[in-house]
Amino acid sequence: MVLLSSNRLEDVPKDAVILTEGEALRLQWEEVDEYRGEQKLWSLRHGASLLGCLSAATGIYINHHYRSRLRLGKYGAFSTYLPIVVLPALVTTAYHKTFIQSAIILRQEPCPLCVQIRASFFQTCCGLVYPAALAPVASYMFAVRQFTYRLPPFSKPKELFAVYRKMTKPLSMFFSIALAIHVITAMALTQREILEFHGLEQETLTKTNLG
């Protein structure tokens, strides 16, 4: 199937089948799923899941760091890992598939670099910034509740910030490396997805012309 987009009815070929955006997206995904050749469309099929796994791995490392520093052990493990590890992984995967890959497949964004920047920005926010902000807060709450570590109360922000800075300082290098990995991975995967779908379109168009 060759997908053509037009805002004017007179530009639509007479033998064309008019589809809604949702129908066109569904048909395009069916074509991607049914295509024989795993390597040629690897990023389109698995890119979103890979970015989700990257977010999960980052969340695990950050959450484990603060939990170990505050000596939490098994206290509140599920309550911290769920929002800091599982949620970012699911949201990252869903966002990339819904807003990035869909924009590529429907050719909604004429600027490939803009799509890459949007993908890397959300990946960084959801996969790195969100866990880095939530993990210390969640660990602090459980440490205060379970008395595992002596911490200043919220009424003493200067002392509290000093403790936070002391615990976060060892993560400085990790944050820099993780930022680079998230940005580069998201942009590289998005670029590959664009090229893969362009190749699929060219192959489909060639088969249509030959037929």
N, C-alpha and C. Protein backbone atom coordinates (compact mmCIF):
# COMPACT_ATOMS: atom_id res chain seq x y z
N MET A 1 0.84 -1.20 0.00
CA MET A 1 0.00 0.00 0.00
C MET A 1 0.88 1.24 0.00
N VAL A 2 0.54 2.21 -0.82
CA VAL A 2 1.25 3.48 -0.86
C VAL A 2 0.36 4.54 -0.23
N LEU A 3 0.82 5.18 0.81
CA LEU A 3 0.03 6.16 1.54
C LEU A 3 0.31 7.55 0.99
N LEU A 4 -0.75 8.26 0.61
CA LEU A 4 -0.64 9.63 0.14
C LEU A 4 -1.47 10.51 1.06
N SER A 5 -0.95 11.69 1.36
CA SER A 5 -1.65 12.61 2.26
C SER A 5 -1.95 13.90 1.52
N SER A 6 -3.18 14.39 1.67
CA SER A 6 -3.55 15.64 1.01
C SER A 6 -4.67 16.32 1.79
N ASN A 7 -4.61 17.64 1.85
CA ASN A 7 -5.65 18.41 2.52
C ASN A 7 -6.73 18.89 1.53
N ARG A 8 -6.49 18.66 0.27
CA ARG A 8 -7.44 19.10 -0.76
C ARG A 8 -7.99 17.89 -1.49
N LEU A 9 -9.31 17.84 -1.61
CA LEU A 9 -9.97 16.69 -2.22
C LEU A 9 -9.62 16.55 -3.69
N GLU A 10 -9.39 17.69 -4.38
CA GLU A 10 -9.08 17.61 -5.81
C GLU A 10 -7.71 17.00 -6.09
N ASP A 11 -6.85 16.96 -5.06
CA ASP A 11 -5.53 16.35 -5.24
C ASP A 11 -5.53 14.85 -5.05
N VAL A 12 -6.66 14.31 -4.61
CA VAL A 12 -6.75 12.87 -4.35
C VAL A 12 -7.04 12.14 -5.66
N PRO A 13 -6.23 11.10 -6.01
CA PRO A 13 -6.50 10.33 -7.23
C PRO A 13 -7.89 9.71 -7.22
N LYS A 14 -8.48 9.54 -8.40
CA LYS A 14 -9.85 9.04 -8.49
C LYS A 14 -9.99 7.62 -7.95
N ASP A 15 -8.95 6.81 -8.14
CA ASP A 15 -9.03 5.42 -7.70
C ASP A 15 -8.50 5.22 -6.28
N ALA A 16 -8.28 6.32 -5.55
CA ALA A 16 -7.73 6.22 -4.20
C ALA A 16 -8.81 5.81 -3.19
N VAL A 17 -8.38 5.13 -2.14
CA VAL A 17 -9.27 4.78 -1.04
C VAL A 17 -9.03 5.77 0.10
N ILE A 18 -10.06 6.52 0.44
CA ILE A 18 -9.92 7.55 1.47
C ILE A 18 -10.00 6.91 2.85
N LEU A 19 -8.98 7.17 3.68
CA LEU A 19 -8.91 6.59 5.01
C LEU A 19 -8.79 7.68 6.06
N THR A 20 -9.27 7.39 7.23
CA THR A 20 -9.03 8.29 8.36
C THR A 20 -7.59 8.09 8.82
N GLU A 21 -7.13 9.01 9.67
CA GLU A 21 -5.76 8.91 10.17
C GLU A 21 -5.55 7.61 10.95
N GLY A 22 -6.53 7.25 11.76
CA GLY A 22 -6.43 6.01 12.53
C GLY A 22 -6.39 4.78 11.65
N GLU A 23 -7.20 4.76 10.60
CA GLU A 23 -7.21 3.62 9.67
C GLU A 23 -5.90 3.51 8.92
N ALA A 24 -5.39 4.66 8.48
CA ALA A 24 -4.12 4.66 7.77
C ALA A 24 -2.98 4.17 8.66
N LEU A 25 -2.99 4.61 9.92
CA LEU A 25 -1.96 4.18 10.87
C LEU A 25 -2.04 2.67 11.11
N ARG A 26 -3.25 2.16 11.27
CA ARG A 26 -3.42 0.73 11.50
C ARG A 26 -2.91 -0.08 10.31
N LEU A 27 -3.23 0.35 9.10
CA LEU A 27 -2.79 -0.38 7.90
C LEU A 27 -1.27 -0.32 7.73
N GLN A 28 -0.68 0.83 8.07
CA GLN A 28 0.76 0.96 7.96
C GLN A 28 1.48 0.05 8.96
N TRP A 29 0.93 -0.03 10.17
CA TRP A 29 1.53 -0.91 11.17
C TRP A 29 1.38 -2.37 10.77
N GLU A 30 0.26 -2.71 10.16
CA GLU A 30 0.08 -4.08 9.68
C GLU A 30 1.12 -4.43 8.63
N GLU A 31 1.42 -3.45 7.78
CA GLU A 31 2.44 -3.68 6.75
C GLU A 31 3.82 -3.87 7.37
N VAL A 32 4.11 -3.10 8.41
CA VAL A 32 5.38 -3.23 9.11
C VAL A 32 5.47 -4.60 9.78
N ASP A 33 4.40 -5.01 10.46
CA ASP A 33 4.40 -6.29 11.18
C ASP A 33 4.48 -7.48 10.24
N GLU A 34 3.87 -7.36 9.06
CA GLU A 34 3.83 -8.48 8.12
C GLU A 34 5.06 -8.54 7.22
N TYR A 35 5.89 -7.52 7.27
CA TYR A 35 7.06 -7.48 6.39
C TYR A 35 8.05 -8.58 6.78
N ARG A 36 8.53 -9.31 5.79
CA ARG A 36 9.49 -10.38 6.04
C ARG A 36 10.91 -9.81 5.90
N GLY A 37 11.58 -9.78 7.00
CA GLY A 37 12.93 -9.22 7.02
C GLY A 37 13.14 -8.51 8.34
N GLU A 38 13.50 -9.26 9.36
CA GLU A 38 13.60 -8.73 10.72
C GLU A 38 14.60 -7.60 10.82
N GLN A 39 15.75 -7.74 10.18
CA GLN A 39 16.82 -6.76 10.31
C GLN A 39 16.46 -5.42 9.67
N LYS A 40 15.71 -5.45 8.58
CA LYS A 40 15.41 -4.21 7.86
C LYS A 40 14.48 -3.28 8.63
N LEU A 41 13.63 -3.85 9.49
CA LEU A 41 12.67 -3.04 10.25
C LEU A 41 12.83 -3.26 11.75
N TRP A 42 14.05 -3.56 12.18
CA TRP A 42 14.29 -3.88 13.59
C TRP A 42 13.92 -2.71 14.50
N SER A 43 14.32 -1.51 14.15
CA SER A 43 14.07 -0.34 15.01
C SER A 43 12.59 -0.01 15.11
N LEU A 44 11.88 -0.12 13.99
CA LEU A 44 10.44 0.16 14.02
C LEU A 44 9.70 -0.84 14.91
N ARG A 45 10.16 -2.06 14.93
CA ARG A 45 9.48 -3.10 15.70
C ARG A 45 9.90 -3.11 17.17
N HIS A 46 11.15 -2.80 17.44
CA HIS A 46 11.66 -2.96 18.80
C HIS A 46 12.24 -1.69 19.42
N GLY A 47 12.29 -0.60 18.66
CA GLY A 47 12.91 0.62 19.17
C GLY A 47 12.24 1.18 20.41
N ALA A 48 10.92 1.23 20.42
CA ALA A 48 10.19 1.78 21.56
C ALA A 48 10.44 0.94 22.82
N SER A 49 10.44 -0.38 22.66
CA SER A 49 10.70 -1.26 23.81
C SER A 49 12.11 -1.09 24.34
N LEU A 50 13.07 -0.90 23.43
CA LEU A 50 14.46 -0.70 23.85
C LEU A 50 14.61 0.58 24.67
N LEU A 51 13.94 1.64 24.25
CA LEU A 51 13.99 2.90 25.01
C LEU A 51 13.32 2.73 26.37
N GLY A 52 12.25 1.94 26.42
CA GLY A 52 11.61 1.65 27.70
C GLY A 52 12.54 0.90 28.64
N CYS A 53 13.28 -0.07 28.11
CA CYS A 53 14.24 -0.82 28.92
C CYS A 53 15.36 0.09 29.42
N LEU A 54 15.78 1.04 28.59
CA LEU A 54 16.81 1.99 29.00
C LEU A 54 16.33 2.85 30.16
N SER A 55 15.07 3.28 30.11
CA SER A 55 14.49 4.06 31.21
C SER A 55 14.42 3.22 32.48
N ALA A 56 14.03 1.95 32.32
CA ALA A 56 13.93 1.06 33.48
C ALA A 56 15.30 0.84 34.12
N ALA A 57 16.32 0.61 33.31
CA ALA A 57 17.67 0.38 33.83
C ALA A 57 18.19 1.60 34.58
N THR A 58 17.92 2.78 34.04
CA THR A 58 18.34 4.02 34.70
C THR A 58 17.62 4.19 36.03
N GLY A 59 16.32 3.92 36.04
CA GLY A 59 15.55 4.03 37.27
C GLY A 59 16.01 3.05 38.34
N ILE A 60 16.35 1.84 37.92
CA ILE A 60 16.84 0.83 38.87
C ILE A 60 18.12 1.31 39.54
N TYR A 61 19.04 1.82 38.75
CA TYR A 61 20.33 2.26 39.30
C TYR A 61 20.14 3.43 40.28
N ILE A 62 19.36 4.43 39.87
CA ILE A 62 19.16 5.61 40.72
C ILE A 62 18.42 5.23 42.00
N ASN A 63 17.36 4.45 41.86
CA ASN A 63 16.56 4.06 43.04
C ASN A 63 17.40 3.23 44.01
N HIS A 64 18.19 2.31 43.46
CA HIS A 64 19.04 1.47 44.32
C HIS A 64 20.08 2.32 45.06
N HIS A 65 20.60 3.34 44.40
CA HIS A 65 21.60 4.20 45.03
C HIS A 65 21.04 4.88 46.28
N TYR A 66 19.90 5.53 46.15
CA TYR A 66 19.32 6.25 47.29
C TYR A 66 18.81 5.29 48.37
N ARG A 67 18.26 4.17 47.96
CA ARG A 67 17.75 3.21 48.95
C ARG A 67 18.90 2.62 49.77
N SER A 68 20.01 2.33 49.10
CA SER A 68 21.16 1.78 49.83
C SER A 68 21.79 2.82 50.74
N ARG A 69 21.84 4.07 50.30
CA ARG A 69 22.40 5.14 51.12
C ARG A 69 21.56 5.38 52.38
N LEU A 70 20.28 5.20 52.26
CA LEU A 70 19.39 5.42 53.40
C LEU A 70 19.06 4.12 54.14
N ARG A 71 19.77 3.05 53.77
CA ARG A 71 19.68 1.77 54.47
C ARG A 71 18.24 1.24 54.56
N LEU A 72 17.55 1.31 53.46
CA LEU A 72 16.14 0.90 53.47
C LEU A 72 15.96 -0.62 53.39
N GLY A 73 16.94 -1.32 52.87
CA GLY A 73 16.78 -2.76 52.75
C GLY A 73 15.59 -3.11 51.87
N LYS A 74 14.65 -3.88 52.41
CA LYS A 74 13.46 -4.26 51.65
C LYS A 74 12.26 -3.36 51.94
N TYR A 75 12.43 -2.39 52.84
CA TYR A 75 11.32 -1.50 53.19
C TYR A 75 10.87 -0.70 51.96
N GLY A 76 9.59 -0.80 51.64
CA GLY A 76 9.02 0.01 50.57
C GLY A 76 9.61 -0.25 49.20
N ALA A 77 10.15 -1.43 48.97
CA ALA A 77 10.78 -1.74 47.69
C ALA A 77 9.78 -1.62 46.54
N PHE A 78 8.62 -2.26 46.70
CA PHE A 78 7.61 -2.22 45.64
C PHE A 78 7.10 -0.80 45.42
N SER A 79 6.91 -0.06 46.50
CA SER A 79 6.35 1.29 46.42
C SER A 79 7.30 2.29 45.76
N THR A 80 8.59 1.99 45.76
CA THR A 80 9.54 2.89 45.09
C THR A 80 9.89 2.41 43.68
N TYR A 81 10.03 1.10 43.51
CA TYR A 81 10.40 0.59 42.18
C TYR A 81 9.27 0.72 41.17
N LEU A 82 8.03 0.64 41.62
CA LEU A 82 6.90 0.77 40.70
C LEU A 82 6.86 2.13 40.01
N PRO A 83 6.86 3.26 40.76
CA PRO A 83 6.81 4.55 40.08
C PRO A 83 8.13 5.01 39.48
N ILE A 84 9.26 4.49 39.97
CA ILE A 84 10.55 4.98 39.51
C ILE A 84 11.15 4.11 38.40
N VAL A 85 10.74 2.85 38.34
CA VAL A 85 11.29 1.94 37.33
C VAL A 85 10.23 1.52 36.31
N VAL A 86 9.13 0.95 36.81
CA VAL A 86 8.11 0.39 35.92
C VAL A 86 7.37 1.48 35.14
N LEU A 87 6.92 2.51 35.85
CA LEU A 87 6.14 3.57 35.20
C LEU A 87 6.91 4.29 34.10
N PRO A 88 8.14 4.75 34.34
CA PRO A 88 8.89 5.39 33.24
C PRO A 88 9.09 4.49 32.04
N ALA A 89 9.32 3.19 32.29
CA ALA A 89 9.52 2.25 31.19
C ALA A 89 8.26 2.15 30.32
N LEU A 90 7.11 2.04 30.98
CA LEU A 90 5.85 1.93 30.23
C LEU A 90 5.50 3.22 29.50
N VAL A 91 5.68 4.34 30.17
CA VAL A 91 5.35 5.64 29.56
C VAL A 91 6.29 5.95 28.40
N THR A 92 7.58 5.67 28.57
CA THR A 92 8.54 5.90 27.50
C THR A 92 8.18 5.09 26.26
N THR A 93 7.89 3.82 26.46
CA THR A 93 7.53 2.94 25.34
C THR A 93 6.27 3.42 24.64
N ALA A 94 5.25 3.74 25.43
CA ALA A 94 3.97 4.17 24.87
C ALA A 94 4.11 5.49 24.13
N TYR A 95 4.84 6.43 24.71
CA TYR A 95 5.00 7.74 24.07
C TYR A 95 5.73 7.61 22.74
N HIS A 96 6.83 6.88 22.74
CA HIS A 96 7.61 6.77 21.51
C HIS A 96 6.80 6.10 20.39
N LYS A 97 6.07 5.08 20.76
CA LYS A 97 5.27 4.38 19.75
C LYS A 97 4.10 5.23 19.27
N THR A 98 3.48 5.96 20.19
CA THR A 98 2.27 6.71 19.85
C THR A 98 2.57 8.03 19.14
N PHE A 99 3.59 8.75 19.60
CA PHE A 99 3.82 10.09 19.08
C PHE A 99 5.02 10.20 18.13
N ILE A 100 6.03 9.38 18.32
CA ILE A 100 7.22 9.46 17.46
C ILE A 100 7.08 8.55 16.24
N GLN A 101 6.85 7.26 16.49
CA GLN A 101 6.73 6.33 15.38
C GLN A 101 5.50 6.60 14.53
N SER A 102 4.41 7.01 15.17
CA SER A 102 3.21 7.34 14.40
C SER A 102 3.44 8.54 13.49
N ALA A 103 4.17 9.53 13.99
CA ALA A 103 4.49 10.70 13.17
C ALA A 103 5.36 10.32 11.98
N ILE A 104 6.25 9.35 12.19
CA ILE A 104 7.10 8.88 11.10
C ILE A 104 6.28 8.13 10.06
N ILE A 105 5.45 7.22 10.53
CA ILE A 105 4.68 6.36 9.62
C ILE A 105 3.65 7.17 8.83
N LEU A 106 3.06 8.18 9.46
CA LEU A 106 2.05 8.99 8.77
C LEU A 106 2.66 10.22 8.09
N ARG A 107 3.98 10.36 8.21
CA ARG A 107 4.70 11.49 7.61
C ARG A 107 4.09 12.83 8.06
N GLN A 108 3.84 12.95 9.35
CA GLN A 108 3.23 14.17 9.88
C GLN A 108 4.24 15.28 10.11
N GLU A 109 5.52 14.93 10.21
CA GLU A 109 6.56 15.92 10.50
C GLU A 109 7.58 15.94 9.37
N PRO A 110 7.62 17.04 8.59
CA PRO A 110 8.57 17.10 7.47
C PRO A 110 10.02 17.28 7.89
N CYS A 111 10.25 17.57 9.16
CA CYS A 111 11.60 17.82 9.66
C CYS A 111 12.08 16.62 10.48
N PRO A 112 12.95 15.76 9.91
CA PRO A 112 13.44 14.59 10.65
C PRO A 112 14.17 14.96 11.93
N LEU A 113 14.94 16.04 11.88
CA LEU A 113 15.69 16.45 13.07
C LEU A 113 14.75 16.85 14.20
N CYS A 114 13.63 17.46 13.86
CA CYS A 114 12.65 17.86 14.87
C CYS A 114 12.08 16.63 15.59
N VAL A 115 11.83 15.57 14.82
CA VAL A 115 11.32 14.33 15.41
C VAL A 115 12.37 13.73 16.34
N GLN A 116 13.63 13.76 15.92
CA GLN A 116 14.71 13.22 16.74
C GLN A 116 14.87 14.01 18.04
N ILE A 117 14.81 15.32 17.95
CA ILE A 117 14.95 16.16 19.13
C ILE A 117 13.79 15.93 20.10
N ARG A 118 12.58 15.82 19.56
CA ARG A 118 11.41 15.57 20.40
C ARG A 118 11.53 14.22 21.10
N ALA A 119 12.00 13.21 20.37
CA ALA A 119 12.17 11.88 20.95
C ALA A 119 13.22 11.89 22.06
N SER A 120 14.35 12.55 21.81
CA SER A 120 15.42 12.58 22.81
C SER A 120 15.03 13.41 24.03
N PHE A 121 14.26 14.48 23.82
CA PHE A 121 13.84 15.33 24.94
C PHE A 121 12.93 14.55 25.89
N PHE A 122 11.93 13.88 25.34
CA PHE A 122 11.02 13.13 26.21
C PHE A 122 11.73 11.95 26.85
N GLN A 123 12.61 11.30 26.09
CA GLN A 123 13.35 10.18 26.64
C GLN A 123 14.18 10.61 27.84
N THR A 124 14.82 11.76 27.75
CA THR A 124 15.64 12.27 28.84
C THR A 124 14.78 12.65 30.04
N CYS A 125 13.66 13.31 29.78
CA CYS A 125 12.78 13.74 30.88
C CYS A 125 12.19 12.55 31.61
N CYS A 126 11.67 11.58 30.86
CA CYS A 126 10.98 10.46 31.48
C CYS A 126 11.95 9.40 31.98
N GLY A 127 13.05 9.19 31.27
CA GLY A 127 13.96 8.12 31.62
C GLY A 127 15.06 8.50 32.58
N LEU A 128 15.33 9.81 32.74
CA LEU A 128 16.43 10.24 33.60
C LEU A 128 15.99 11.29 34.63
N VAL A 129 15.40 12.37 34.16
CA VAL A 129 15.05 13.47 35.06
C VAL A 129 13.99 13.04 36.07
N TYR A 130 12.95 12.37 35.60
CA TYR A 130 11.87 11.93 36.50
C TYR A 130 12.36 10.98 37.60
N PRO A 131 13.11 9.91 37.27
CA PRO A 131 13.62 9.04 38.35
C PRO A 131 14.59 9.77 39.28
N ALA A 132 15.42 10.66 38.71
CA ALA A 132 16.38 11.39 39.54
C ALA A 132 15.69 12.33 40.52
N ALA A 133 14.51 12.83 40.15
CA ALA A 133 13.78 13.72 41.04
C ALA A 133 12.95 12.96 42.07
N LEU A 134 12.37 11.85 41.65
CA LEU A 134 11.45 11.12 42.53
C LEU A 134 12.16 10.19 43.51
N ALA A 135 13.25 9.57 43.08
CA ALA A 135 13.93 8.56 43.91
C ALA A 135 14.36 9.09 45.28
N PRO A 136 15.03 10.25 45.37
CA PRO A 136 15.42 10.73 46.70
C PRO A 136 14.24 11.08 47.59
N VAL A 137 13.18 11.60 47.00
CA VAL A 137 11.99 11.96 47.78
C VAL A 137 11.33 10.71 48.35
N ALA A 138 11.16 9.69 47.49
CA ALA A 138 10.52 8.45 47.93
C ALA A 138 11.36 7.75 49.00
N SER A 139 12.66 7.72 48.79
CA SER A 139 13.55 7.08 49.77
C SER A 139 13.54 7.83 51.09
N TYR A 140 13.50 9.16 51.02
CA TYR A 140 13.46 9.99 52.23
C TYR A 140 12.21 9.66 53.06
N MET A 141 11.08 9.56 52.39
CA MET A 141 9.83 9.30 53.10
C MET A 141 9.85 7.96 53.82
N PHE A 142 10.39 6.93 53.17
CA PHE A 142 10.44 5.62 53.81
C PHE A 142 11.51 5.58 54.90
N ALA A 143 12.61 6.31 54.71
CA ALA A 143 13.66 6.34 55.73
C ALA A 143 13.15 7.01 57.01
N VAL A 144 12.36 8.08 56.85
CA VAL A 144 11.79 8.77 58.01
C VAL A 144 10.75 7.88 58.70
N ARG A 145 9.95 7.20 57.90
CA ARG A 145 8.89 6.35 58.46
C ARG A 145 9.47 5.14 59.20
N GLN A 146 10.52 4.55 58.65
CA GLN A 146 11.08 3.32 59.22
C GLN A 146 12.28 3.59 60.15
N PHE A 147 12.68 4.84 60.28
CA PHE A 147 13.81 5.22 61.14
C PHE A 147 15.11 4.48 60.76
N THR A 148 15.37 4.39 59.47
CA THR A 148 16.58 3.68 59.01
C THR A 148 17.78 4.62 58.90
N TYR A 149 17.52 5.92 58.86
CA TYR A 149 18.62 6.87 58.70
C TYR A 149 18.18 8.20 59.34
N ARG A 150 19.10 8.81 60.04
CA ARG A 150 18.76 10.08 60.70
C ARG A 150 18.78 11.21 59.67
N LEU A 151 17.63 11.79 59.45
CA LEU A 151 17.48 12.84 58.43
C LEU A 151 16.84 14.08 59.05
N PRO A 152 17.23 15.27 58.56
CA PRO A 152 16.58 16.50 59.03
C PRO A 152 15.17 16.59 58.49
N PRO A 153 14.28 17.25 59.20
CA PRO A 153 12.89 17.38 58.73
C PRO A 153 12.78 18.39 57.59
N PHE A 154 11.62 18.40 56.94
CA PHE A 154 11.38 19.35 55.86
C PHE A 154 11.44 20.79 56.34
N SER A 155 11.24 20.99 57.63
CA SER A 155 11.28 22.35 58.18
C SER A 155 12.70 22.93 58.21
N LYS A 156 13.69 22.11 57.92
CA LYS A 156 15.08 22.57 57.86
C LYS A 156 15.64 22.30 56.46
N PRO A 157 15.24 23.11 55.49
CA PRO A 157 15.60 22.84 54.09
C PRO A 157 17.10 22.89 53.83
N LYS A 158 17.83 23.78 54.51
CA LYS A 158 19.27 23.87 54.28
C LYS A 158 19.98 22.58 54.67
N GLU A 159 19.64 22.06 55.84
CA GLU A 159 20.25 20.81 56.30
C GLU A 159 19.83 19.63 55.41
N LEU A 160 18.58 19.66 55.01
CA LEU A 160 18.06 18.60 54.15
C LEU A 160 18.76 18.62 52.79
N PHE A 161 18.95 19.81 52.26
CA PHE A 161 19.62 19.93 50.96
C PHE A 161 21.08 19.50 51.05
N ALA A 162 21.71 19.77 52.19
CA ALA A 162 23.10 19.35 52.39
C ALA A 162 23.22 17.82 52.36
N VAL A 163 22.26 17.14 52.98
CA VAL A 163 22.25 15.68 52.96
C VAL A 163 22.00 15.17 51.54
N TYR A 164 21.06 15.81 50.86
CA TYR A 164 20.75 15.43 49.48
C TYR A 164 21.98 15.59 48.58
N ARG A 165 22.66 16.71 48.72
CA ARG A 165 23.84 16.96 47.89
C ARG A 165 24.94 15.96 48.17
N LYS A 166 25.11 15.60 49.44
CA LYS A 166 26.13 14.63 49.82
C LYS A 166 25.83 13.25 49.21
N MET A 167 24.56 12.87 49.22
CA MET A 167 24.19 11.56 48.69
C MET A 167 24.17 11.53 47.17
N THR A 168 23.92 12.69 46.56
CA THR A 168 23.80 12.75 45.11
C THR A 168 25.15 12.95 44.42
N LYS A 169 26.13 13.49 45.13
CA LYS A 169 27.43 13.78 44.53
C LYS A 169 28.06 12.57 43.84
N PRO A 170 28.00 11.37 44.42
CA PRO A 170 28.58 10.20 43.73
C PRO A 170 27.92 9.87 42.39
N LEU A 171 26.72 10.41 42.17
CA LEU A 171 26.00 10.13 40.93
C LEU A 171 26.32 11.13 39.82
N SER A 172 27.16 12.11 40.08
CA SER A 172 27.43 13.16 39.10
C SER A 172 27.92 12.59 37.78
N MET A 173 28.91 11.72 37.82
CA MET A 173 29.42 11.11 36.60
C MET A 173 28.38 10.24 35.93
N PHE A 174 27.62 9.50 36.74
CA PHE A 174 26.57 8.65 36.18
C PHE A 174 25.53 9.48 35.44
N PHE A 175 25.11 10.59 36.03
CA PHE A 175 24.11 11.44 35.39
C PHE A 175 24.61 11.96 34.03
N SER A 176 25.87 12.34 33.96
CA SER A 176 26.43 12.85 32.70
C SER A 176 26.44 11.77 31.63
N ILE A 177 26.90 10.58 32.03
CA ILE A 177 26.95 9.47 31.08
C ILE A 177 25.55 9.04 30.66
N ALA A 178 24.64 8.96 31.64
CA ALA A 178 23.26 8.56 31.34
C ALA A 178 22.57 9.55 30.41
N LEU A 179 22.83 10.84 30.63
CA LEU A 179 22.24 11.87 29.76
C LEU A 179 22.69 11.67 28.32
N ALA A 180 23.99 11.45 28.14
CA ALA A 180 24.52 11.24 26.80
C ALA A 180 23.93 9.99 26.16
N ILE A 181 23.83 8.91 26.95
CA ILE A 181 23.30 7.65 26.42
C ILE A 181 21.83 7.80 26.01
N HIS A 182 21.03 8.45 26.85
CA HIS A 182 19.61 8.63 26.53
C HIS A 182 19.42 9.47 25.27
N VAL A 183 20.14 10.57 25.18
CA VAL A 183 20.00 11.45 24.02
C VAL A 183 20.46 10.77 22.74
N ILE A 184 21.65 10.18 22.78
CA ILE A 184 22.21 9.55 21.59
C ILE A 184 21.37 8.35 21.15
N THR A 185 20.95 7.54 22.11
CA THR A 185 20.16 6.35 21.77
C THR A 185 18.82 6.73 21.16
N ALA A 186 18.13 7.70 21.76
CA ALA A 186 16.83 8.12 21.24
C ALA A 186 16.95 8.72 19.84
N MET A 187 17.96 9.56 19.64
CA MET A 187 18.13 10.19 18.33
C MET A 187 18.55 9.18 17.27
N ALA A 188 19.45 8.27 17.66
CA ALA A 188 19.92 7.26 16.70
C ALA A 188 18.81 6.30 16.30
N LEU A 189 18.03 5.85 17.28
CA LEU A 189 16.93 4.94 16.98
C LEU A 189 15.87 5.61 16.12
N THR A 190 15.56 6.87 16.44
CA THR A 190 14.56 7.60 15.66
C THR A 190 15.03 7.79 14.22
N GLN A 191 16.31 8.13 14.05
CA GLN A 191 16.86 8.27 12.70
C GLN A 191 16.78 6.95 11.94
N ARG A 192 17.09 5.88 12.62
CA ARG A 192 17.03 4.56 11.98
C ARG A 192 15.58 4.20 11.62
N GLU A 193 14.64 4.55 12.49
CA GLU A 193 13.23 4.30 12.20
C GLU A 193 12.78 5.06 10.95
N ILE A 194 13.22 6.30 10.82
CA ILE A 194 12.88 7.11 9.65
C ILE A 194 13.43 6.46 8.38
N LEU A 195 14.68 6.03 8.43
CA LEU A 195 15.32 5.41 7.26
C LEU A 195 14.67 4.07 6.93
N GLU A 196 14.34 3.31 7.96
CA GLU A 196 13.70 2.01 7.71
C GLU A 196 12.34 2.17 7.05
N PHE A 197 11.56 3.11 7.53
CA PHE A 197 10.24 3.29 6.93
C PHE A 197 10.34 3.87 5.52
N HIS A 198 11.31 4.75 5.31
CA HIS A 198 11.52 5.29 3.96
C HIS A 198 11.89 4.16 3.01
N GLY A 199 12.75 3.24 3.48
CA GLY A 199 13.12 2.10 2.65
C GLY A 199 11.92 1.21 2.36
N LEU A 200 11.06 1.01 3.36
CA LEU A 200 9.85 0.21 3.15
C LEU A 200 8.93 0.86 2.13
N GLU A 201 8.79 2.17 2.21
CA GLU A 201 7.95 2.89 1.25
C GLU A 201 8.49 2.75 -0.17
N GLN A 202 9.80 2.90 -0.31
CA GLN A 202 10.41 2.79 -1.64
C GLN A 202 10.23 1.39 -2.21
N GLU A 203 10.38 0.39 -1.36
CA GLU A 203 10.20 -0.99 -1.81
C GLU A 203 8.76 -1.25 -2.22
N THR A 204 7.82 -0.74 -1.42
CA THR A 204 6.41 -0.92 -1.75
C THR A 204 6.04 -0.20 -3.03
N LEU A 205 6.57 1.01 -3.21
CA LEU A 205 6.29 1.79 -4.42
C LEU A 205 6.86 1.11 -5.65
N THR A 206 8.03 0.52 -5.52
CA THR A 206 8.64 -0.20 -6.64
C THR A 206 7.80 -1.39 -7.04
N LYS A 207 7.33 -2.16 -6.03
CA LYS A 207 6.49 -3.31 -6.31
C LYS A 207 5.17 -2.90 -6.97
N THR A 208 4.62 -1.75 -6.53
CA THR A 208 3.36 -1.25 -7.09
C THR A 208 3.53 -0.85 -8.55
N ASN A 209 4.64 -0.19 -8.85
CA ASN A 209 4.90 0.23 -10.23
C ASN A 209 5.14 -0.94 -11.14
N LEU A 210 5.84 -1.96 -10.62
CA LEU A 210 6.10 -3.16 -11.41
C LEU A 210 4.84 -3.97 -11.65
N GLY A 211 3.94 -3.90 -10.61
CA GLY A 211 2.69 -4.64 -10.73
C GLY A 211 1.73 -3.97 -11.70
